[in-house]
Amino acid sequence: MNQQLEFLETKVAFQEITIEELNQSVTNLQADVSKLKEQLILLSQKLQASQVSNIANLSEETPPPHY
């Protein structure tokens, strides 16, 4: 009986360690995902800002030939 109790206590201790390690991994992954989301937003904003429009400004447009 005592040996079974000791076995169960050991098993619970290992499970607690595993749970803590998994919790730390999840926390790290959440931080990584947050950083990646921020980077994606910044890249998206930079891409939108750097896209050149195919339509020229009115000041740059040449007048039609009939003028």
PDB file of N, CA and C in Angstrom:
ATOM      1  N   MET A   1       0.829  -1.198   0.000  1.00  0.00           N
ATOM      2  CA  MET A   1       0.000   0.000   0.000  1.00  0.00           C
ATOM      3  C   MET A   1       0.870   1.257   0.000  1.00  0.00           C
ATOM      4  N   ASN A   2       1.884   1.240   0.868  1.00  0.00           N
ATOM      5  CA  ASN A   2       2.778   2.379   0.964  1.00  0.00           C
ATOM      6  C   ASN A   2       3.538   2.591  -0.352  1.00  0.00           C
ATOM      7  N   GLN A   3       3.911   1.492  -0.992  1.00  0.00           N
ATOM      8  CA  GLN A   3       4.635   1.571  -2.255  1.00  0.00           C
ATOM      9  C   GLN A   3       3.733   2.158  -3.353  1.00  0.00           C
ATOM     10  N   GLN A   4       2.463   1.788  -3.350  1.00  0.00           N
ATOM     11  CA  GLN A   4       1.517   2.331  -4.332  1.00  0.00           C
ATOM     12  C   GLN A   4       1.324   3.831  -4.126  1.00  0.00           C
ATOM     13  N   LEU A   5       1.244   4.241  -2.871  1.00  0.00           N
ATOM     14  CA  LEU A   5       1.082   5.657  -2.559  1.00  0.00           C
ATOM     15  C   LEU A   5       2.305   6.455  -3.022  1.00  0.00           C
ATOM     16  N   GLU A   6       3.473   5.905  -2.790  1.00  0.00           N
ATOM     17  CA  GLU A   6       4.709   6.558  -3.218  1.00  0.00           C
ATOM     18  C   GLU A   6       4.763   6.652  -4.742  1.00  0.00           C
ATOM     19  N   PHE A   7       4.346   5.588  -5.419  1.00  0.00           N
ATOM     20  CA  PHE A   7       4.308   5.586  -6.883  1.00  0.00           C
ATOM     21  C   PHE A   7       3.365   6.672  -7.404  1.00  0.00           C
ATOM     22  N   LEU A   8       2.195   6.784  -6.791  1.00  0.00           N
ATOM     23  CA  LEU A   8       1.229   7.796  -7.217  1.00  0.00           C
ATOM     24  C   LEU A   8       1.747   9.209  -6.952  1.00  0.00           C
ATOM     25  N   GLU A   9       2.407   9.424  -5.828  1.00  0.00           N
ATOM     26  CA  GLU A   9       2.971  10.738  -5.526  1.00  0.00           C
ATOM     27  C   GLU A   9       4.055  11.109  -6.535  1.00  0.00           C
ATOM     28  N   THR A  10       4.862  10.141  -6.898  1.00  0.00           N
ATOM     29  CA  THR A  10       5.915  10.380  -7.892  1.00  0.00           C
ATOM     30  C   THR A  10       5.293  10.719  -9.247  1.00  0.00           C
ATOM     31  N   LYS A  11       4.276   9.978  -9.601  1.00  0.00           N
ATOM     32  CA  LYS A  11       3.601  10.209 -10.879  1.00  0.00           C
ATOM     33  C   LYS A  11       2.978  11.601 -10.915  1.00  0.00           C
ATOM     34  N   VAL A  12       2.336  12.001  -9.825  1.00  0.00           N
ATOM     35  CA  VAL A  12       1.717  13.331  -9.751  1.00  0.00           C
ATOM     36  C   VAL A  12       2.789  14.417  -9.841  1.00  0.00           C
ATOM     37  N   ALA A  13       3.928  14.202  -9.197  1.00  0.00           N
ATOM     38  CA  ALA A  13       5.016  15.184  -9.236  1.00  0.00           C
ATOM     39  C   ALA A  13       5.517  15.363 -10.663  1.00  0.00           C
ATOM     40  N   PHE A  14       5.700  14.265 -11.399  1.00  0.00           N
ATOM     41  CA  PHE A  14       6.128  14.360 -12.794  1.00  0.00           C
ATOM     42  C   PHE A  14       5.072  15.053 -13.658  1.00  0.00           C
ATOM     43  N   GLN A  15       3.810  14.770 -13.370  1.00  0.00           N
ATOM     44  CA  GLN A  15       2.741  15.417 -14.128  1.00  0.00           C
ATOM     45  C   GLN A  15       2.717  16.923 -13.869  1.00  0.00           C
ATOM     46  N   GLU A  16       2.958  17.318 -12.634  1.00  0.00           N
ATOM     47  CA  GLU A  16       2.994  18.748 -12.313  1.00  0.00           C
ATOM     48  C   GLU A  16       4.134  19.440 -13.054  1.00  0.00           C
ATOM     49  N   ILE A  17       5.289  18.773 -13.109  1.00  0.00           N
ATOM     50  CA  ILE A  17       6.431  19.335 -13.842  1.00  0.00           C
ATOM     51  C   ILE A  17       6.093  19.460 -15.329  1.00  0.00           C
ATOM     52  N   THR A  18       5.483  18.425 -15.871  1.00  0.00           N
ATOM     53  CA  THR A  18       5.111  18.438 -17.292  1.00  0.00           C
ATOM     54  C   THR A  18       4.100  19.535 -17.575  1.00  0.00           C
ATOM     55  N   ILE A  19       3.121  19.681 -16.717  1.00  0.00           N
ATOM     56  CA  ILE A  19       2.110  20.728 -16.897  1.00  0.00           C
ATOM     57  C   ILE A  19       2.752  22.106 -16.856  1.00  0.00           C
ATOM     58  N   GLU A  20       3.674  22.325 -15.945  1.00  0.00           N
ATOM     59  CA  GLU A  20       4.362  23.616 -15.848  1.00  0.00           C
ATOM     60  C   GLU A  20       5.185  23.891 -17.101  1.00  0.00           C
ATOM     61  N   GLU A  21       5.870  22.863 -17.607  1.00  0.00           N
ATOM     62  CA  GLU A  21       6.653  23.031 -18.839  1.00  0.00           C
ATOM     63  C   GLU A  21       5.740  23.345 -20.020  1.00  0.00           C
ATOM     64  N   LEU A  22       4.627  22.656 -20.112  1.00  0.00           N
ATOM     65  CA  LEU A  22       3.676  22.911 -21.191  1.00  0.00           C
ATOM     66  C   LEU A  22       3.074  24.310 -21.074  1.00  0.00           C
ATOM     67  N   ASN A  23       2.788  24.722 -19.862  1.00  0.00           N
ATOM     68  CA  ASN A  23       2.255  26.060 -19.639  1.00  0.00           C
ATOM     69  C   ASN A  23       3.253  27.122 -20.096  1.00  0.00           C
ATOM     70  N   GLN A  24       4.520  26.909 -19.780  1.00  0.00           N
ATOM     71  CA  GLN A  24       5.567  27.843 -20.201  1.00  0.00           C
ATOM     72  C   GLN A  24       5.677  27.871 -21.725  1.00  0.00           C
ATOM     73  N   SER A  25       5.575  26.710 -22.354  1.00  0.00           N
ATOM     74  CA  SER A  25       5.626  26.640 -23.818  1.00  0.00           C
ATOM     75  C   SER A  25       4.463  27.401 -24.447  1.00  0.00           C
ATOM     76  N   VAL A  26       3.283  27.217 -23.903  1.00  0.00           N
ATOM     77  CA  VAL A  26       2.102  27.915 -24.420  1.00  0.00           C
ATOM     78  C   VAL A  26       2.254  29.425 -24.242  1.00  0.00           C
ATOM     79  N   THR A  27       2.764  29.833 -23.100  1.00  0.00           N
ATOM     80  CA  THR A  27       2.980  31.262 -22.843  1.00  0.00           C
ATOM     81  C   THR A  27       3.974  31.840 -23.845  1.00  0.00           C
ATOM     82  N   ASN A  28       5.066  31.121 -24.092  1.00  0.00           N
ATOM     83  CA  ASN A  28       6.056  31.577 -25.074  1.00  0.00           C
ATOM     84  C   ASN A  28       5.463  31.649 -26.472  1.00  0.00           C
ATOM     85  N   LEU A  29       4.674  30.651 -26.832  1.00  0.00           N
ATOM     86  CA  LEU A  29       4.050  30.647 -28.158  1.00  0.00           C
ATOM     87  C   LEU A  29       3.063  31.803 -28.311  1.00  0.00           C
ATOM     88  N   GLN A  30       2.312  32.106 -27.261  1.00  0.00           N
ATOM     89  CA  GLN A  30       1.386  33.236 -27.325  1.00  0.00           C
ATOM     90  C   GLN A  30       2.135  34.540 -27.528  1.00  0.00           C
ATOM     91  N   ALA A  31       3.272  34.691 -26.870  1.00  0.00           N
ATOM     92  CA  ALA A  31       4.088  35.899 -27.043  1.00  0.00           C
ATOM     93  C   ALA A  31       4.622  35.970 -28.468  1.00  0.00           C
ATOM     94  N   ASP A  32       5.068  34.837 -29.002  1.00  0.00           N
ATOM     95  CA  ASP A  32       5.558  34.805 -30.384  1.00  0.00           C
ATOM     96  C   ASP A  32       4.459  35.166 -31.376  1.00  0.00           C
ATOM     97  N   VAL A  33       3.275  34.635 -31.161  1.00  0.00           N
ATOM     98  CA  VAL A  33       2.153  34.932 -32.056  1.00  0.00           C
ATOM     99  C   VAL A  33       1.810  36.417 -31.999  1.00  0.00           C
ATOM    100  N   SER A  34       1.827  36.994 -30.818  1.00  0.00           N
ATOM    101  CA  SER A  34       1.547  38.428 -30.685  1.00  0.00           C
ATOM    102  C   SER A  34       2.577  39.256 -31.441  1.00  0.00           C
ATOM    103  N   LYS A  35       3.854  38.901 -31.302  1.00  0.00           N
ATOM    104  CA  LYS A  35       4.911  39.612 -32.026  1.00  0.00           C
ATOM    105  C   LYS A  35       4.725  39.473 -33.531  1.00  0.00           C
ATOM    106  N   LEU A  36       4.394  38.271 -33.975  1.00  0.00           N
ATOM    107  CA  LEU A  36       4.199  38.043 -35.408  1.00  0.00           C
ATOM    108  C   LEU A  36       3.001  38.824 -35.946  1.00  0.00           C
ATOM    109  N   LYS A  37       1.942  38.921 -35.150  1.00  0.00           N
ATOM    110  CA  LYS A  37       0.782  39.719 -35.568  1.00  0.00           C
ATOM    111  C   LYS A  37       1.165  41.182 -35.733  1.00  0.00           C
ATOM    112  N   GLU A  38       1.936  41.703 -34.773  1.00  0.00           N
ATOM    113  CA  GLU A  38       2.374  43.096 -34.862  1.00  0.00           C
ATOM    114  C   GLU A  38       3.235  43.321 -36.100  1.00  0.00           C
ATOM    115  N   GLN A  39       4.144  42.381 -36.375  1.00  0.00           N
ATOM    116  CA  GLN A  39       5.000  42.499 -37.552  1.00  0.00           C
ATOM    117  C   GLN A  39       4.185  42.423 -38.832  1.00  0.00           C
ATOM    118  N   LEU A  40       3.196  41.559 -38.855  1.00  0.00           N
ATOM    119  CA  LEU A  40       2.342  41.429 -40.033  1.00  0.00           C
ATOM    120  C   LEU A  40       1.565  42.713 -40.287  1.00  0.00           C
ATOM    121  N   ILE A  41       1.070  43.316 -39.234  1.00  0.00           N
ATOM    122  CA  ILE A  41       0.350  44.586 -39.370  1.00  0.00           C
ATOM    123  C   ILE A  41       1.278  45.659 -39.912  1.00  0.00           C
ATOM    124  N   LEU A  42       2.494  45.741 -39.365  1.00  0.00           N
ATOM    125  CA  LEU A  42       3.456  46.738 -39.838  1.00  0.00           C
ATOM    126  C   LEU A  42       3.832  46.511 -41.300  1.00  0.00           C
ATOM    127  N   LEU A  43       4.066  45.258 -41.656  1.00  0.00           N
ATOM    128  CA  LEU A  43       4.402  44.955 -43.048  1.00  0.00           C
ATOM    129  C   LEU A  43       3.244  45.284 -43.983  1.00  0.00           C
ATOM    130  N   SER A  44       2.061  44.987 -43.552  1.00  0.00           N
ATOM    131  CA  SER A  44       0.881  45.291 -44.360  1.00  0.00           C
ATOM    132  C   SER A  44       0.745  46.795 -44.565  1.00  0.00           C
ATOM    133  N   GLN A  45       0.973  47.552 -43.495  1.00  0.00           N
ATOM    134  CA  GLN A  45       0.887  49.009 -43.605  1.00  0.00           C
ATOM    135  C   GLN A  45       1.977  49.552 -44.523  1.00  0.00           C
ATOM    136  N   LYS A  46       3.191  49.026 -44.402  1.00  0.00           N
ATOM    137  CA  LYS A  46       4.282  49.465 -45.271  1.00  0.00           C
ATOM    138  C   LYS A  46       3.995  49.122 -46.726  1.00  0.00           C
ATOM    139  N   LEU A  47       3.456  47.949 -46.957  1.00  0.00           N
ATOM    140  CA  LEU A  47       3.138  47.531 -48.319  1.00  0.00           C
ATOM    141  C   LEU A  47       2.071  48.436 -48.927  1.00  0.00           C
ATOM    142  N   GLN A  48       1.042  48.737 -48.160  1.00  0.00           N
ATOM    143  CA  GLN A  48      -0.014  49.611 -48.659  1.00  0.00           C
ATOM    144  C   GLN A  48       0.520  51.011 -48.934  1.00  0.00           C
ATOM    145  N   ALA A  49       1.434  51.482 -48.094  1.00  0.00           N
ATOM    146  CA  ALA A  49       1.997  52.824 -48.265  1.00  0.00           C
ATOM    147  C   ALA A  49       2.945  52.885 -49.458  1.00  0.00           C
ATOM    148  N   SER A  50       3.593  51.778 -49.775  1.00  0.00           N
ATOM    149  CA  SER A  50       4.589  51.800 -50.840  1.00  0.00           C
ATOM    150  C   SER A  50       4.012  51.452 -52.207  1.00  0.00           C
ATOM    151  N   GLN A  51       2.785  50.988 -52.261  1.00  0.00           N
ATOM    152  CA  GLN A  51       2.201  50.629 -53.547  1.00  0.00           C
ATOM    153  C   GLN A  51       1.981  51.882 -54.377  1.00  0.00           C
ATOM    154  N   VAL A  52       2.459  51.798 -55.601  1.00  0.00           N
ATOM    155  CA  VAL A  52       2.332  52.924 -56.511  1.00  0.00           C
ATOM    156  C   VAL A  52       1.040  52.757 -57.294  1.00  0.00           C
ATOM    157  N   SER A  53       0.316  53.843 -57.378  1.00  0.00           N
ATOM    158  CA  SER A  53      -0.933  53.815 -58.126  1.00  0.00           C
ATOM    159  C   SER A  53      -0.619  53.903 -59.614  1.00  0.00           C
ATOM    160  N   ASN A  54      -1.376  53.186 -60.416  1.00  0.00           N
ATOM    161  CA  ASN A  54      -1.210  53.243 -61.869  1.00  0.00           C
ATOM    162  C   ASN A  54      -1.870  54.477 -62.471  1.00  0.00           C
ATOM    163  N   ILE A  55      -2.607  55.190 -61.671  1.00  0.00           N
ATOM    164  CA  ILE A  55      -3.284  56.394 -62.145  1.00  0.00           C
ATOM    165  C   ILE A  55      -2.417  57.591 -61.782  1.00  0.00           C
ATOM    166  N   ALA A  56      -2.071  58.374 -62.775  1.00  0.00           N
ATOM    167  CA  ALA A  56      -1.229  59.537 -62.536  1.00  0.00           C
ATOM    168  C   ALA A  56      -2.060  60.677 -61.951  1.00  0.00           C
ATOM    169  N   ASN A  57      -1.384  61.558 -61.224  1.00  0.00           N
ATOM    170  CA  ASN A  57      -2.055  62.746 -60.706  1.00  0.00           C
ATOM    171  C   ASN A  57      -2.462  63.639 -61.871  1.00  0.00           C
ATOM    172  N   LEU A  58      -3.464  64.490 -61.659  1.00  0.00           N
ATOM    173  CA  LEU A  58      -3.921  65.391 -62.726  1.00  0.00           C
ATOM    174  C   LEU A  58      -2.799  66.302 -63.198  1.00  0.00           C
ATOM    175  N   SER A  59      -1.923  66.710 -62.300  1.00  0.00           N
ATOM    176  CA  SER A  59      -0.827  67.594 -62.690  1.00  0.00           C
ATOM    177  C   SER A  59       0.192  66.870 -63.570  1.00  0.00           C
ATOM    178  N   GLU A  60       0.249  65.551 -63.474  1.00  0.00           N
ATOM    179  CA  GLU A  60       1.201  64.777 -64.264  1.00  0.00           C
ATOM    180  C   GLU A  60       0.604  64.290 -65.582  1.00  0.00           C
ATOM    181  N   GLU A  61      -0.692  64.344 -65.710  1.00  0.00           N
ATOM    182  CA  GLU A  61      -1.358  63.871 -66.922  1.00  0.00           C
ATOM    183  C   GLU A  61      -1.063  64.798 -68.093  1.00  0.00           C
ATOM    184  N   THR A  62      -0.752  64.214 -69.210  1.00  0.00           N
ATOM    185  CA  THR A  62      -0.591  65.020 -70.422  1.00  0.00           C
ATOM    186  C   THR A  62      -1.988  65.279 -70.992  1.00  0.00           C
ATOM    187  N   PRO A  63      -2.183  66.455 -71.535  1.00  0.00           N
ATOM    188  CA  PRO A  63      -3.502  66.733 -72.086  1.00  0.00           C
ATOM    189  C   PRO A  63      -3.782  65.876 -73.318  1.00  0.00           C
ATOM    190  N   PRO A  64      -5.011  65.627 -73.587  1.00  0.00           N
ATOM    191  CA  PRO A  64      -5.363  64.838 -74.777  1.00  0.00           C
ATOM    192  C   PRO A  64      -4.859  65.556 -76.032  1.00  0.00           C
ATOM    193  N   PRO A  65      -4.643  64.829 -77.121  1.00  0.00           N
ATOM    194  CA  PRO A  65      -4.082  65.433 -78.331  1.00  0.00           C
ATOM    195  C   PRO A  65      -4.956  66.499 -78.981  1.00  0.00           C
ATOM    196  N   HIS A  66      -6.224  66.523 -78.704  1.00  0.00           N
ATOM    197  CA  HIS A  66      -7.089  67.494 -79.383  1.00  0.00           C
ATOM    198  C   HIS A  66      -7.063  68.862 -78.705  1.00  0.00           C
ATOM    199  N   TYR A  67      -6.284  69.093 -77.688  1.00  0.00           N
ATOM    200  CA  TYR A  67      -6.200  70.403 -77.041  1.00  0.00           C
ATOM    201  C   TYR A  67      -5.200  71.257 -77.716  1.00  0.00           C
TER     202      TYR A  67
END
